[in-house]
Amino acid sequence: MNNLGQMMKQAQEMQAKMAELQEQLARTEVTGAAGGGMIQVTLNGKGEMRAVTIDPALVDPNEVGVLEDLIVAAANDAKAKAEAKVAEKMRELTGGLGLPPGFSLPM
């Protein structure tokens, strides 16, 4: 019975840490870039876009398609960085838990 009590305590601690991690991730921002940094997109840890920065040299009415492609590339770069940061934080959080491969906690 003591083992069950210990497991429940660990589960409660994990739940509190998960809530704290979600708050941290919401405040975390990552910036992706494309076109040699001429387009930058900033996302939070939840993948929500927070800002777009466009180098004024790119604003040419004849190059709108290129600009749109660069924004998509920068957004995807930022999203990949945000996902990597989430995975890193999850590994830190669950490091001592010994979860089976492929198993993840709900976010």
C-alpha atoms as a PDB file:
ATOM      1  CA  MET A   1       0.000   0.000   0.000  1.00  0.00           C
ATOM      2  CA  ASN A   2       2.908   2.313   0.718  1.00  0.00           C
ATOM      3  CA  ASN A   3       4.065   1.831  -2.890  1.00  0.00           C
ATOM      4  CA  LEU A   4       0.665   2.951  -4.204  1.00  0.00           C
ATOM      5  CA  GLY A   5       0.775   6.039  -1.994  1.00  0.00           C
ATOM      6  CA  GLN A   6       4.233   6.866  -3.293  1.00  0.00           C
ATOM      7  CA  MET A   7       3.039   6.453  -6.902  1.00  0.00           C
ATOM      8  CA  MET A   8       0.092   8.768  -6.260  1.00  0.00           C
ATOM      9  CA  LYS A   9       2.400  11.359  -4.751  1.00  0.00           C
ATOM     10  CA  GLN A  10       4.701  11.133  -7.777  1.00  0.00           C
ATOM     11  CA  ALA A  11       1.725  11.491 -10.123  1.00  0.00           C
ATOM     12  CA  GLN A  12       0.570  14.638  -8.292  1.00  0.00           C
ATOM     13  CA  GLU A  13       4.083  16.081  -8.441  1.00  0.00           C
ATOM     14  CA  MET A  14       4.257  15.296 -12.165  1.00  0.00           C
ATOM     15  CA  GLN A  15       0.904  16.991 -12.734  1.00  0.00           C
ATOM     16  CA  ALA A  16       2.121  20.150 -10.975  1.00  0.00           C
ATOM     17  CA  LYS A  17       5.343  20.120 -13.002  1.00  0.00           C
ATOM     18  CA  MET A  18       3.374  19.670 -16.234  1.00  0.00           C
ATOM     19  CA  ALA A  19       1.215  22.707 -15.441  1.00  0.00           C
ATOM     20  CA  GLU A  20       4.348  24.736 -14.699  1.00  0.00           C
ATOM     21  CA  LEU A  21       5.971  23.541 -17.935  1.00  0.00           C
ATOM     22  CA  GLN A  22       2.917  24.535 -19.986  1.00  0.00           C
ATOM     23  CA  GLU A  23       3.052  28.028 -18.480  1.00  0.00           C
ATOM     24  CA  GLN A  24       6.778  28.266 -19.234  1.00  0.00           C
ATOM     25  CA  LEU A  25       6.264  27.156 -22.826  1.00  0.00           C
ATOM     26  CA  ALA A  26       3.516  29.720 -23.360  1.00  0.00           C
ATOM     27  CA  ARG A  27       6.035  32.422 -22.349  1.00  0.00           C
ATOM     28  CA  THR A  28       8.888  30.942 -24.418  1.00  0.00           C
ATOM     29  CA  GLU A  29       9.451  32.429 -27.846  1.00  0.00           C
ATOM     30  CA  VAL A  30      11.554  31.149 -30.749  1.00  0.00           C
ATOM     31  CA  THR A  31      12.357  32.918 -33.991  1.00  0.00           C
ATOM     32  CA  GLY A  32      12.768  31.225 -37.344  1.00  0.00           C
ATOM     33  CA  ALA A  33      14.333  32.873 -40.353  1.00  0.00           C
ATOM     34  CA  ALA A  34      14.414  32.517 -44.123  1.00  0.00           C
ATOM     35  CA  GLY A  35      16.115  34.335 -46.966  1.00  0.00           C
ATOM     36  CA  GLY A  36      19.296  34.904 -44.993  1.00  0.00           C
ATOM     37  CA  GLY A  37      17.354  36.493 -42.142  1.00  0.00           C
ATOM     38  CA  MET A  38      15.396  38.853 -44.363  1.00  0.00           C
ATOM     39  CA  ILE A  39      12.153  37.263 -43.104  1.00  0.00           C
ATOM     40  CA  GLN A  40      11.774  36.352 -39.438  1.00  0.00           C
ATOM     41  CA  VAL A  41       8.804  34.728 -37.723  1.00  0.00           C
ATOM     42  CA  THR A  42       8.454  34.418 -33.955  1.00  0.00           C
ATOM     43  CA  LEU A  43       6.274  31.737 -32.354  1.00  0.00           C
ATOM     44  CA  ASN A  44       5.565  30.893 -28.743  1.00  0.00           C
ATOM     45  CA  GLY A  45       6.007  27.401 -27.330  1.00  0.00           C
ATOM     46  CA  LYS A  46       2.435  26.559 -28.265  1.00  0.00           C
ATOM     47  CA  GLY A  47       3.166  27.257 -31.923  1.00  0.00           C
ATOM     48  CA  GLU A  48       1.193  30.510 -32.016  1.00  0.00           C
ATOM     49  CA  MET A  49       2.702  33.172 -34.280  1.00  0.00           C
ATOM     50  CA  ARG A  50       3.682  36.263 -32.288  1.00  0.00           C
ATOM     51  CA  ALA A  51       5.545  38.428 -34.832  1.00  0.00           C
ATOM     52  CA  VAL A  52       6.710  38.713 -38.427  1.00  0.00           C
ATOM     53  CA  THR A  53       9.663  40.878 -39.453  1.00  0.00           C
ATOM     54  CA  ILE A  54      10.278  41.680 -43.127  1.00  0.00           C
ATOM     55  CA  ASP A  55      13.400  43.398 -44.425  1.00  0.00           C
ATOM     56  CA  PRO A  56      12.168  46.494 -46.331  1.00  0.00           C
ATOM     57  CA  ALA A  57      14.420  45.568 -49.271  1.00  0.00           C
ATOM     58  CA  LEU A  58      12.060  42.663 -49.994  1.00  0.00           C
ATOM     59  CA  VAL A  59       8.967  44.778 -50.483  1.00  0.00           C
ATOM     60  CA  ASP A  60       8.696  44.814 -54.265  1.00  0.00           C
ATOM     61  CA  PRO A  61       5.264  44.432 -55.864  1.00  0.00           C
ATOM     62  CA  ASN A  62       6.796  42.136 -58.501  1.00  0.00           C
ATOM     63  CA  GLU A  63       8.200  39.767 -55.862  1.00  0.00           C
ATOM     64  CA  VAL A  64       5.133  39.090 -53.695  1.00  0.00           C
ATOM     65  CA  GLY A  65       5.279  35.334 -54.425  1.00  0.00           C
ATOM     66  CA  VAL A  66       8.870  35.118 -53.203  1.00  0.00           C
ATOM     67  CA  LEU A  67       7.949  37.087 -50.083  1.00  0.00           C
ATOM     68  CA  GLU A  68       5.040  34.756 -49.343  1.00  0.00           C
ATOM     69  CA  ASP A  69       7.253  31.670 -49.783  1.00  0.00           C
ATOM     70  CA  LEU A  70       9.883  33.124 -47.442  1.00  0.00           C
ATOM     71  CA  ILE A  71       7.271  33.847 -44.756  1.00  0.00           C
ATOM     72  CA  VAL A  72       6.034  30.255 -44.940  1.00  0.00           C
ATOM     73  CA  ALA A  73       9.635  28.981 -44.697  1.00  0.00           C
ATOM     74  CA  ALA A  74      10.384  31.219 -41.702  1.00  0.00           C
ATOM     75  CA  ALA A  75       7.166  30.139 -39.940  1.00  0.00           C
ATOM     76  CA  ASN A  76       8.037  26.479 -40.478  1.00  0.00           C
ATOM     77  CA  ASP A  77      11.574  27.087 -39.166  1.00  0.00           C
ATOM     78  CA  ALA A  78      10.200  28.745 -36.016  1.00  0.00           C
ATOM     79  CA  LYS A  79       7.661  25.951 -35.497  1.00  0.00           C
ATOM     80  CA  ALA A  80      10.367  23.279 -35.754  1.00  0.00           C
ATOM     81  CA  LYS A  81      12.429  25.174 -33.167  1.00  0.00           C
ATOM     82  CA  ALA A  82       9.412  25.476 -30.847  1.00  0.00           C
ATOM     83  CA  GLU A  83       8.684  21.745 -31.145  1.00  0.00           C
ATOM     84  CA  ALA A  84      12.337  20.933 -30.394  1.00  0.00           C
ATOM     85  CA  LYS A  85      12.214  23.121 -27.278  1.00  0.00           C
ATOM     86  CA  VAL A  86       8.993  21.416 -26.115  1.00  0.00           C
ATOM     87  CA  ALA A  87      10.585  17.979 -26.639  1.00  0.00           C
ATOM     88  CA  GLU A  88      13.682  19.062 -24.713  1.00  0.00           C
ATOM     89  CA  LYS A  89      11.624  20.334 -21.777  1.00  0.00           C
ATOM     90  CA  MET A  90       9.545  17.144 -21.754  1.00  0.00           C
ATOM     91  CA  ARG A  91      12.725  15.014 -21.647  1.00  0.00           C
ATOM     92  CA  GLU A  92      13.938  17.089 -18.682  1.00  0.00           C
ATOM     93  CA  LEU A  93      10.593  16.715 -16.929  1.00  0.00           C
ATOM     94  CA  THR A  94      10.133  12.984 -17.494  1.00  0.00           C
ATOM     95  CA  GLY A  95      13.810  12.007 -17.260  1.00  0.00           C
ATOM     96  CA  GLY A  96      13.445  10.110 -13.989  1.00  0.00           C
ATOM     97  CA  LEU A  97      10.061   8.633 -14.785  1.00  0.00           C
ATOM     98  CA  GLY A  98      11.240   5.863 -17.088  1.00  0.00           C
ATOM     99  CA  LEU A  99       8.407   6.114 -19.601  1.00  0.00           C
ATOM    100  CA  PRO A 100       8.343   3.415 -22.289  1.00  0.00           C
ATOM    101  CA  PRO A 101       9.666   4.400 -25.747  1.00  0.00           C
ATOM    102  CA  GLY A 102       7.052   6.214 -27.792  1.00  0.00           C
ATOM    103  CA  PHE A 103       4.903   7.031 -24.754  1.00  0.00           C
ATOM    104  CA  SER A 104       4.281  10.703 -24.067  1.00  0.00           C
ATOM    105  CA  LEU A 105       2.273  12.598 -21.522  1.00  0.00           C
ATOM    106  CA  PRO A 106      -0.673  14.678 -22.773  1.00  0.00           C
ATOM    107  CA  MET A 107      -0.020  18.408 -23.253  1.00  0.00           C
END
